[in-house]
Amino acid sequence: MKAAMIFTGSGPILVLTTFESLEDAGFIERLNARGIAKFIAHEVSVEKVKKQYGTRFSVILGDLSQSDDLRVMDIDGHHVFHSFAFDELGPAVYHPKH
């Protein structure tokens, strides 16, 4: 499982996913299905998300399928943005790449 901060046109969101990569075509399809066609994504620590969100993390995790799935953890862009220091963000993934 991975956790990711996704910067979208309307602000950052936090997601949990079972996809192996934030560049996986299936992951991108799932975001497209939610109306997110252009984004910048950064992997973040699942442990930090678990600690910060507590019970909500457990509820969302319980709803996450074993494979090829995506769940939105937080849509409050202000909260998501201020929950992680820049040095806690993994390398940027850009979509589309150009």
C-alpha atoms as a PDB file:
ATOM      1  CA  MET A   1       0.000   0.000   0.000  1.00  0.00           C
ATOM      2  CA  LYS A   2       1.056   3.552  -0.690  1.00  0.00           C
ATOM      3  CA  ALA A   3      -0.106   6.947   0.510  1.00  0.00           C
ATOM      4  CA  ALA A   4       0.215   9.964  -1.736  1.00  0.00           C
ATOM      5  CA  MET A   5      -0.362  13.685  -1.716  1.00  0.00           C
ATOM      6  CA  ILE A   6      -1.861  14.599  -5.076  1.00  0.00           C
ATOM      7  CA  PHE A   7      -1.751  18.247  -6.167  1.00  0.00           C
ATOM      8  CA  THR A   8      -4.759  18.882  -8.403  1.00  0.00           C
ATOM      9  CA  GLY A   9      -6.248  21.983  -9.997  1.00  0.00           C
ATOM     10  CA  SER A  10      -8.413  22.534  -6.927  1.00  0.00           C
ATOM     11  CA  GLY A  11      -5.693  21.810  -4.348  1.00  0.00           C
ATOM     12  CA  PRO A  12      -4.006  18.845  -2.706  1.00  0.00           C
ATOM     13  CA  ILE A  13      -5.755  15.645  -1.662  1.00  0.00           C
ATOM     14  CA  LEU A  14      -4.438  12.639   0.246  1.00  0.00           C
ATOM     15  CA  VAL A  15      -5.037   9.137  -1.098  1.00  0.00           C
ATOM     16  CA  LEU A  16      -4.300   5.528  -0.190  1.00  0.00           C
ATOM     17  CA  THR A  17      -3.703   3.052  -2.980  1.00  0.00           C
ATOM     18  CA  THR A  18      -2.758  -0.552  -3.550  1.00  0.00           C
ATOM     19  CA  PHE A  19      -1.095   0.270  -6.886  1.00  0.00           C
ATOM     20  CA  GLU A  20       2.638  -0.412  -6.918  1.00  0.00           C
ATOM     21  CA  SER A  21       3.466   2.929  -8.520  1.00  0.00           C
ATOM     22  CA  LEU A  22       1.994   6.409  -8.756  1.00  0.00           C
ATOM     23  CA  GLU A  23       2.756   6.145 -12.476  1.00  0.00           C
ATOM     24  CA  ASP A  24       0.756   2.923 -12.943  1.00  0.00           C
ATOM     25  CA  ALA A  25      -1.790   3.254 -15.763  1.00  0.00           C
ATOM     26  CA  GLY A  26      -4.509   1.880 -13.495  1.00  0.00           C
ATOM     27  CA  PHE A  27      -3.753   4.473 -10.805  1.00  0.00           C
ATOM     28  CA  ILE A  28      -3.953   7.235 -13.419  1.00  0.00           C
ATOM     29  CA  GLU A  29      -7.242   5.781 -14.735  1.00  0.00           C
ATOM     30  CA  ARG A  30      -8.695   5.818 -11.206  1.00  0.00           C
ATOM     31  CA  LEU A  31      -7.752   9.484 -10.819  1.00  0.00           C
ATOM     32  CA  ASN A  32      -9.206  10.266 -14.259  1.00  0.00           C
ATOM     33  CA  ALA A  33     -12.468   8.604 -13.163  1.00  0.00           C
ATOM     34  CA  ARG A  34     -12.563  11.141 -10.324  1.00  0.00           C
ATOM     35  CA  GLY A  35     -12.053  14.027 -12.735  1.00  0.00           C
ATOM     36  CA  ILE A  36      -8.318  14.384 -12.086  1.00  0.00           C
ATOM     37  CA  ALA A  37      -6.532  14.335 -15.444  1.00  0.00           C
ATOM     38  CA  LYS A  38      -3.578  16.591 -14.575  1.00  0.00           C
ATOM     39  CA  PHE A  39      -1.674  16.285 -11.311  1.00  0.00           C
ATOM     40  CA  ILE A  40       1.593  16.252  -9.425  1.00  0.00           C
ATOM     41  CA  ALA A  41       1.875  13.353  -6.954  1.00  0.00           C
ATOM     42  CA  HIS A  42       4.271  12.703  -4.088  1.00  0.00           C
ATOM     43  CA  GLU A  43       4.404   9.517  -2.057  1.00  0.00           C
ATOM     44  CA  VAL A  44       4.179  10.108   1.713  1.00  0.00           C
ATOM     45  CA  SER A  45       4.730   7.846   4.708  1.00  0.00           C
ATOM     46  CA  VAL A  46       1.865   5.436   5.321  1.00  0.00           C
ATOM     47  CA  GLU A  47       2.917   5.305   8.982  1.00  0.00           C
ATOM     48  CA  LYS A  48       2.606   9.085   9.329  1.00  0.00           C
ATOM     49  CA  VAL A  49      -0.825   9.002   7.691  1.00  0.00           C
ATOM     50  CA  LYS A  50      -1.886   6.186  10.031  1.00  0.00           C
ATOM     51  CA  LYS A  51      -0.684   8.106  13.092  1.00  0.00           C
ATOM     52  CA  GLN A  52      -2.259  11.377  11.996  1.00  0.00           C
ATOM     53  CA  TYR A  53      -5.651  10.035  10.910  1.00  0.00           C
ATOM     54  CA  GLY A  54      -6.129   7.218  13.445  1.00  0.00           C
ATOM     55  CA  THR A  55      -9.598   5.690  13.226  1.00  0.00           C
ATOM     56  CA  ARG A  56     -10.344   7.325   9.870  1.00  0.00           C
ATOM     57  CA  PHE A  57      -7.245   5.592   8.445  1.00  0.00           C
ATOM     58  CA  SER A  58      -8.513   2.232   9.710  1.00  0.00           C
ATOM     59  CA  VAL A  59     -11.971   2.788   8.205  1.00  0.00           C
ATOM     60  CA  ILE A  60     -10.552   3.803   4.809  1.00  0.00           C
ATOM     61  CA  LEU A  61      -8.026   0.944   4.905  1.00  0.00           C
ATOM     62  CA  GLY A  62     -10.831  -1.523   5.657  1.00  0.00           C
ATOM     63  CA  ASP A  63     -12.586  -0.353   2.495  1.00  0.00           C
ATOM     64  CA  LEU A  64      -9.453  -0.694   0.334  1.00  0.00           C
ATOM     65  CA  SER A  65      -9.458  -3.765  -1.934  1.00  0.00           C
ATOM     66  CA  GLN A  66      -6.477  -6.092  -2.102  1.00  0.00           C
ATOM     67  CA  SER A  67      -5.284  -4.821  -5.485  1.00  0.00           C
ATOM     68  CA  ASP A  68      -5.744  -2.083  -8.047  1.00  0.00           C
ATOM     69  CA  ASP A  69      -7.617   0.262  -5.784  1.00  0.00           C
ATOM     70  CA  LEU A  70      -7.591   3.891  -4.717  1.00  0.00           C
ATOM     71  CA  ARG A  71      -9.287   5.572  -1.767  1.00  0.00           C
ATOM     72  CA  VAL A  72      -9.390   9.280  -0.972  1.00  0.00           C
ATOM     73  CA  MET A  73      -8.236   9.877   2.600  1.00  0.00           C
ATOM     74  CA  ASP A  74      -8.621  13.675   2.853  1.00  0.00           C
ATOM     75  CA  ILE A  75      -9.920  16.362   0.493  1.00  0.00           C
ATOM     76  CA  ASP A  76      -9.275  19.336   2.791  1.00  0.00           C
ATOM     77  CA  GLY A  77      -6.425  20.849   0.773  1.00  0.00           C
ATOM     78  CA  HIS A  78      -5.319  23.203   3.553  1.00  0.00           C
ATOM     79  CA  HIS A  79      -5.096  20.357   6.044  1.00  0.00           C
ATOM     80  CA  VAL A  80      -3.343  18.005   3.612  1.00  0.00           C
ATOM     81  CA  PHE A  81      -0.795  20.641   2.552  1.00  0.00           C
ATOM     82  CA  HIS A  82       0.130  21.540   6.128  1.00  0.00           C
ATOM     83  CA  SER A  83       0.270  17.932   7.359  1.00  0.00           C
ATOM     84  CA  PHE A  84       3.577  17.104   5.653  1.00  0.00           C
ATOM     85  CA  ALA A  85       6.910  18.896   5.550  1.00  0.00           C
ATOM     86  CA  PHE A  86       8.471  19.254   2.111  1.00  0.00           C
ATOM     87  CA  ASP A  87      11.287  16.899   3.100  1.00  0.00           C
ATOM     88  CA  GLU A  88       8.669  14.209   3.839  1.00  0.00           C
ATOM     89  CA  LEU A  89       7.460  14.164   0.230  1.00  0.00           C
ATOM     90  CA  GLY A  90       8.809  11.565  -2.152  1.00  0.00           C
ATOM     91  CA  PRO A  91       9.954  12.432  -5.671  1.00  0.00           C
ATOM     92  CA  ALA A  92       7.390  14.211  -7.839  1.00  0.00           C
ATOM     93  CA  VAL A  93       5.370  12.302 -10.410  1.00  0.00           C
ATOM     94  CA  TYR A  94       3.907  14.536 -13.120  1.00  0.00           C
ATOM     95  CA  HIS A  95       0.910  13.625 -15.238  1.00  0.00           C
ATOM     96  CA  PRO A  96       0.804  14.319 -18.048  1.00  0.00           C
ATOM     97  CA  LYS A  97       4.553  14.499 -18.355  1.00  0.00           C
ATOM     98  CA  HIS A  98       4.494  17.429 -20.808  1.00  0.00           C
END
